[in-house]
Every structure is written in structure tokens, then in C-alpha cells.
All heavy atoms as atom14 arrays in JSON, in Angstrom:
{
  "sequence": "TKKHLLRSGLMGDTILAHFISSFTCGLA",
  "atom14_mask": [
    [1, 1, 1, 1, 1, 1, 1, 0, 0, 0, 0, 0, 0, 0],
    [1, 1, 1, 1, 1, 1, 1, 1, 1, 0, 0, 0, 0, 0],
    [1, 1, 1, 1, 1, 1, 1, 1, 1, 0, 0, 0, 0, 0],
    [1, 1, 1, 1, 1, 1, 1, 1, 1, 1, 0, 0, 0, 0],
    [1, 1, 1, 1, 1, 1, 1, 1, 0, 0, 0, 0, 0, 0],
    [1, 1, 1, 1, 1, 1, 1, 1, 0, 0, 0, 0, 0, 0],
    [1, 1, 1, 1, 1, 1, 1, 1, 1, 1, 1, 0, 0, 0],
    [1, 1, 1, 1, 1, 1, 0, 0, 0, 0, 0, 0, 0, 0],
    [1, 1, 1, 1, 0, 0, 0, 0, 0, 0, 0, 0, 0, 0],
    [1, 1, 1, 1, 1, 1, 1, 1, 0, 0, 0, 0, 0, 0],
    [1, 1, 1, 1, 1, 1, 1, 1, 0, 0, 0, 0, 0, 0],
    [1, 1, 1, 1, 0, 0, 0, 0, 0, 0, 0, 0, 0, 0],
    [1, 1, 1, 1, 1, 1, 1, 1, 0, 0, 0, 0, 0, 0],
    [1, 1, 1, 1, 1, 1, 1, 0, 0, 0, 0, 0, 0, 0],
    [1, 1, 1, 1, 1, 1, 1, 1, 0, 0, 0, 0, 0, 0],
    [1, 1, 1, 1, 1, 1, 1, 1, 0, 0, 0, 0, 0, 0],
    [1, 1, 1, 1, 1, 0, 0, 0, 0, 0, 0, 0, 0, 0],
    [1, 1, 1, 1, 1, 1, 1, 1, 1, 1, 0, 0, 0, 0],
    [1, 1, 1, 1, 1, 1, 1, 1, 1, 1, 1, 0, 0, 0],
    [1, 1, 1, 1, 1, 1, 1, 1, 0, 0, 0, 0, 0, 0],
    [1, 1, 1, 1, 1, 1, 0, 0, 0, 0, 0, 0, 0, 0],
    [1, 1, 1, 1, 1, 1, 0, 0, 0, 0, 0, 0, 0, 0],
    [1, 1, 1, 1, 1, 1, 1, 1, 1, 1, 1, 0, 0, 0],
    [1, 1, 1, 1, 1, 1, 1, 0, 0, 0, 0, 0, 0, 0],
    [1, 1, 1, 1, 1, 1, 0, 0, 0, 0, 0, 0, 0, 0],
    [1, 1, 1, 1, 0, 0, 0, 0, 0, 0, 0, 0, 0, 0],
    [1, 1, 1, 1, 1, 1, 1, 1, 0, 0, 0, 0, 0, 0],
    [1, 1, 1, 1, 1, 0, 0, 0, 0, 0, 0, 0, 0, 0]
  ],
  "atom14_positions": [
    [[88.21, 97.71, 108.22], [88.65, 96.6, 109.07], [90.08, 96.8, 109.53], [90.41, 96.64, 110.71], [88.53, 95.26, 108.31], [87.19, 95.08, 107.87], [88.93, 94.1, 109.22], [0.0, 0.0, 0.0], [0.0, 0.0, 0.0], [0.0, 0.0, 0.0], [0.0, 0.0, 0.0], [0.0, 0.0, 0.0], [0.0, 0.0, 0.0], [0.0, 0.0, 0.0]],
    [[90.93, 97.18, 108.6], [92.35, 97.42, 108.93], [92.48, 98.56, 109.93], [93.26, 98.47, 110.9], [93.12, 97.72, 107.65], [94.59, 98.04, 107.88], [95.28, 98.45, 106.59], [96.66, 99.02, 106.84], [97.28, 99.51, 105.59], [0.0, 0.0, 0.0], [0.0, 0.0, 0.0], [0.0, 0.0, 0.0], [0.0, 0.0, 0.0], [0.0, 0.0, 0.0]],
    [[91.71, 99.63, 109.73], [91.8, 100.78, 110.64], [91.38, 100.41, 112.06], [92.04, 100.8, 113.04], [90.93, 101.93, 110.12], [91.0, 103.19, 110.95], [90.45, 104.4, 110.22], [88.95, 104.35, 110.13], [88.4, 105.62, 109.55], [0.0, 0.0, 0.0], [0.0, 0.0, 0.0], [0.0, 0.0, 0.0], [0.0, 0.0, 0.0], [0.0, 0.0, 0.0]],
    [[90.31, 99.6, 112.18], [89.85, 99.19, 113.52], [90.84, 98.23, 114.17], [91.03, 98.28, 115.39], [88.47, 98.56, 113.43], [87.36, 99.56, 113.26], [87.08, 100.52, 114.19], [86.46, 99.76, 112.25], [86.06, 101.27, 113.79], [85.67, 100.82, 112.61], [0.0, 0.0, 0.0], [0.0, 0.0, 0.0], [0.0, 0.0, 0.0], [0.0, 0.0, 0.0]],
    [[91.45, 97.35, 113.37], [92.45, 96.44, 113.93], [93.65, 97.21, 114.47], [94.16, 96.9, 115.56], [92.92, 95.45, 112.86], [91.94, 94.33, 112.47], [92.49, 93.54, 111.29], [91.69, 93.39, 113.66], [0.0, 0.0, 0.0], [0.0, 0.0, 0.0], [0.0, 0.0, 0.0], [0.0, 0.0, 0.0], [0.0, 0.0, 0.0], [0.0, 0.0, 0.0]],
    [[94.07, 98.22, 113.75], [95.22, 99.02, 114.19], [94.87, 99.87, 115.42], [95.66, 99.99, 116.35], [95.72, 99.92, 113.05], [96.22, 99.21, 111.79], [96.73, 100.22, 110.76], [97.33, 98.22, 112.12], [0.0, 0.0, 0.0], [0.0, 0.0, 0.0], [0.0, 0.0, 0.0], [0.0, 0.0, 0.0], [0.0, 0.0, 0.0], [0.0, 0.0, 0.0]],
    [[93.65, 100.43, 115.41], [93.23, 101.26, 116.54], [93.02, 100.44, 117.8], [93.19, 100.94, 118.92], [91.94, 102.0, 116.2], [92.14, 103.21, 115.3], [90.83, 103.93, 115.06], [91.01, 105.18, 114.32], [90.03, 105.97, 113.94], [88.76, 105.65, 114.24], [90.27, 107.09, 113.27], [0.0, 0.0, 0.0], [0.0, 0.0, 0.0], [0.0, 0.0, 0.0]],
    [[92.63, 99.18, 117.65], [92.37, 98.33, 118.81], [93.64, 98.0, 119.57], [93.59, 97.63, 120.75], [91.69, 97.04, 118.37], [92.6, 96.23, 117.65], [0.0, 0.0, 0.0], [0.0, 0.0, 0.0], [0.0, 0.0, 0.0], [0.0, 0.0, 0.0], [0.0, 0.0, 0.0], [0.0, 0.0, 0.0], [0.0, 0.0, 0.0], [0.0, 0.0, 0.0]],
    [[94.77, 98.11, 118.91], [96.04, 97.77, 119.54], [96.34, 96.29, 119.57], [97.36, 95.86, 120.11], [0.0, 0.0, 0.0], [0.0, 0.0, 0.0], [0.0, 0.0, 0.0], [0.0, 0.0, 0.0], [0.0, 0.0, 0.0], [0.0, 0.0, 0.0], [0.0, 0.0, 0.0], [0.0, 0.0, 0.0], [0.0, 0.0, 0.0], [0.0, 0.0, 0.0]],
    [[95.43, 95.47, 118.98], [95.64, 94.02, 118.96], [96.82, 93.63, 118.07], [97.48, 92.62, 118.31], [94.36, 93.32, 118.48], [93.14, 93.44, 119.39], [91.92, 92.84, 118.71], [93.41, 92.75, 120.73], [0.0, 0.0, 0.0], [0.0, 0.0, 0.0], [0.0, 0.0, 0.0], [0.0, 0.0, 0.0], [0.0, 0.0, 0.0], [0.0, 0.0, 0.0]],
    [[97.05, 94.41, 117.04], [98.15, 94.12, 116.12], [98.56, 95.4, 115.41], [97.81, 96.37, 115.35], [97.75, 93.05, 115.11], [96.53, 93.39, 114.27], [95.94, 91.98, 113.3], [95.27, 90.93, 114.61], [0.0, 0.0, 0.0], [0.0, 0.0, 0.0], [0.0, 0.0, 0.0], [0.0, 0.0, 0.0], [0.0, 0.0, 0.0], [0.0, 0.0, 0.0]],
    [[99.77, 95.37, 114.91], [100.26, 96.52, 114.17], [99.96, 96.38, 112.69], [99.16, 95.53, 112.27], [0.0, 0.0, 0.0], [0.0, 0.0, 0.0], [0.0, 0.0, 0.0], [0.0, 0.0, 0.0], [0.0, 0.0, 0.0], [0.0, 0.0, 0.0], [0.0, 0.0, 0.0], [0.0, 0.0, 0.0], [0.0, 0.0, 0.0], [0.0, 0.0, 0.0]],
    [[100.62, 97.22, 111.89], [100.44, 97.2, 110.43], [101.27, 96.06, 109.85], [102.28, 96.27, 109.16], [100.85, 98.55, 109.84], [100.45, 98.69, 108.38], [99.69, 97.82, 107.88], [100.9, 99.65, 107.73], [0.0, 0.0, 0.0], [0.0, 0.0, 0.0], [0.0, 0.0, 0.0], [0.0, 0.0, 0.0], [0.0, 0.0, 0.0], [0.0, 0.0, 0.0]],
    [[100.81, 94.83, 110.13], [101.57, 93.63, 109.79], [100.82, 92.79, 108.74], [99.68, 93.09, 108.39], [101.78, 92.75, 111.03], [100.5, 92.33, 111.52], [102.49, 93.54, 112.12], [0.0, 0.0, 0.0], [0.0, 0.0, 0.0], [0.0, 0.0, 0.0], [0.0, 0.0, 0.0], [0.0, 0.0, 0.0], [0.0, 0.0, 0.0], [0.0, 0.0, 0.0]],
    [[101.49, 91.74, 108.28], [100.87, 90.85, 107.3], [99.62, 90.19, 107.88], [98.65, 89.96, 107.16], [101.9, 89.78, 106.83], [102.95, 90.43, 105.94], [101.2, 88.64, 106.08], [104.02, 89.49, 105.44], [0.0, 0.0, 0.0], [0.0, 0.0, 0.0], [0.0, 0.0, 0.0], [0.0, 0.0, 0.0], [0.0, 0.0, 0.0], [0.0, 0.0, 0.0]],
    [[99.62, 89.9, 109.2], [98.44, 89.31, 109.83], [97.24, 90.25, 109.74], [96.12, 89.82, 109.43], [98.73, 88.96, 111.28], [97.55, 88.34, 112.06], [97.08, 87.04, 111.4], [97.94, 88.08, 113.52], [0.0, 0.0, 0.0], [0.0, 0.0, 0.0], [0.0, 0.0, 0.0], [0.0, 0.0, 0.0], [0.0, 0.0, 0.0], [0.0, 0.0, 0.0]],
    [[97.45, 91.54, 109.99], [96.37, 92.52, 109.88], [95.87, 92.61, 108.44], [94.66, 92.7, 108.19], [96.85, 93.89, 110.35], [0.0, 0.0, 0.0], [0.0, 0.0, 0.0], [0.0, 0.0, 0.0], [0.0, 0.0, 0.0], [0.0, 0.0, 0.0], [0.0, 0.0, 0.0], [0.0, 0.0, 0.0], [0.0, 0.0, 0.0], [0.0, 0.0, 0.0]],
    [[96.79, 92.55, 107.49], [96.42, 92.59, 106.08], [95.64, 91.33, 105.7], [94.68, 91.4, 104.92], [97.66, 92.71, 105.19], [98.55, 93.87, 105.56], [99.9, 93.9, 105.27], [98.26, 95.04, 106.21], [100.41, 95.03, 105.72], [99.44, 95.73, 106.3], [0.0, 0.0, 0.0], [0.0, 0.0, 0.0], [0.0, 0.0, 0.0], [0.0, 0.0, 0.0]],
    [[96.03, 90.19, 106.25], [95.36, 88.92, 105.96], [93.92, 88.94, 106.46], [92.98, 88.6, 105.72], [96.13, 87.76, 106.61], [95.46, 86.42, 106.46], [95.7, 85.63, 105.35], [94.57, 85.96, 107.43], [95.08, 84.39, 105.2], [93.94, 84.72, 107.29], [94.2, 83.94, 106.17], [0.0, 0.0, 0.0], [0.0, 0.0, 0.0], [0.0, 0.0, 0.0]],
    [[93.71, 89.34, 107.72], [92.36, 89.36, 108.3], [91.47, 90.35, 107.55], [90.31, 90.05, 107.22], [92.43, 89.71, 109.8], [93.15, 88.6, 110.58], [91.03, 89.94, 110.36], [93.43, 88.94, 112.02], [0.0, 0.0, 0.0], [0.0, 0.0, 0.0], [0.0, 0.0, 0.0], [0.0, 0.0, 0.0], [0.0, 0.0, 0.0], [0.0, 0.0, 0.0]],
    [[92.0, 91.52, 107.25], [91.22, 92.54, 106.55], [90.84, 92.09, 105.15], [89.69, 92.29, 104.7], [92.02, 93.85, 106.47], [92.38, 94.3, 107.76], [0.0, 0.0, 0.0], [0.0, 0.0, 0.0], [0.0, 0.0, 0.0], [0.0, 0.0, 0.0], [0.0, 0.0, 0.0], [0.0, 0.0, 0.0], [0.0, 0.0, 0.0], [0.0, 0.0, 0.0]],
    [[91.77, 91.47, 104.44], [91.5, 91.04, 103.07], [90.56, 89.84, 103.03], [89.71, 89.73, 102.13], [92.81, 90.71, 102.35], [93.56, 89.75, 103.04], [0.0, 0.0, 0.0], [0.0, 0.0, 0.0], [0.0, 0.0, 0.0], [0.0, 0.0, 0.0], [0.0, 0.0, 0.0], [0.0, 0.0, 0.0], [0.0, 0.0, 0.0], [0.0, 0.0, 0.0]],
    [[90.66, 88.94, 104.0], [89.73, 87.8, 104.07], [88.3, 88.3, 104.3], [87.36, 87.83, 103.65], [90.14, 86.86, 105.21], [89.23, 85.66, 105.36], [89.47, 84.51, 104.64], [88.15, 85.7, 106.23], [88.64, 83.4, 104.76], [87.32, 84.6, 106.37], [87.56, 83.45, 105.63], [0.0, 0.0, 0.0], [0.0, 0.0, 0.0], [0.0, 0.0, 0.0]],
    [[88.15, 89.27, 105.19], [86.83, 89.83, 105.49], [86.22, 90.51, 104.27], [85.04, 90.31, 103.95], [86.93, 90.84, 106.65], [87.52, 90.2, 107.79], [85.56, 91.37, 107.03], [0.0, 0.0, 0.0], [0.0, 0.0, 0.0], [0.0, 0.0, 0.0], [0.0, 0.0, 0.0], [0.0, 0.0, 0.0], [0.0, 0.0, 0.0], [0.0, 0.0, 0.0]],
    [[87.02, 91.3, 103.58], [86.47, 92.04, 102.44], [86.15, 91.1, 101.27], [85.22, 91.34, 100.5], [87.42, 93.15, 102.0], [88.84, 92.63, 101.01], [0.0, 0.0, 0.0], [0.0, 0.0, 0.0], [0.0, 0.0, 0.0], [0.0, 0.0, 0.0], [0.0, 0.0, 0.0], [0.0, 0.0, 0.0], [0.0, 0.0, 0.0], [0.0, 0.0, 0.0]],
    [[86.89, 89.98, 101.14], [86.59, 89.01, 100.1], [85.25, 88.34, 100.3], [84.48, 88.15, 99.35], [0.0, 0.0, 0.0], [0.0, 0.0, 0.0], [0.0, 0.0, 0.0], [0.0, 0.0, 0.0], [0.0, 0.0, 0.0], [0.0, 0.0, 0.0], [0.0, 0.0, 0.0], [0.0, 0.0, 0.0], [0.0, 0.0, 0.0], [0.0, 0.0, 0.0]],
    [[84.94, 87.97, 101.55], [83.65, 87.36, 101.86], [82.5, 88.35, 101.63], [81.48, 88.0, 101.04], [83.64, 86.88, 103.32], [82.33, 86.28, 103.83], [81.91, 85.08, 103.0], [82.46, 85.89, 105.31], [0.0, 0.0, 0.0], [0.0, 0.0, 0.0], [0.0, 0.0, 0.0], [0.0, 0.0, 0.0], [0.0, 0.0, 0.0], [0.0, 0.0, 0.0]],
    [[82.68, 89.58, 102.07], [81.64, 90.6, 101.88], [81.39, 90.85, 100.39], [80.24, 90.97, 99.96], [82.06, 91.9, 102.58], [0.0, 0.0, 0.0], [0.0, 0.0, 0.0], [0.0, 0.0, 0.0], [0.0, 0.0, 0.0], [0.0, 0.0, 0.0], [0.0, 0.0, 0.0], [0.0, 0.0, 0.0], [0.0, 0.0, 0.0], [0.0, 0.0, 0.0]]
  ]
}
């Protein structure tokens, strides 16, 4: 998830990217 967020250019390696990636992996 983090790799795709960074590759998409929507956000950098920021706390927001870490938040979205960690929320997704917790649900899964």
C-alpha cells in the first residue's frame, strides 16, 4: 500500500501515507 501511494505521486513518504497504509493493513 505504501509503495503504491508513493508511486502514484499523491503523497510523499509522510505520516499521512503511513497512516493510510497502516489502517489498511490493520483491517486486512
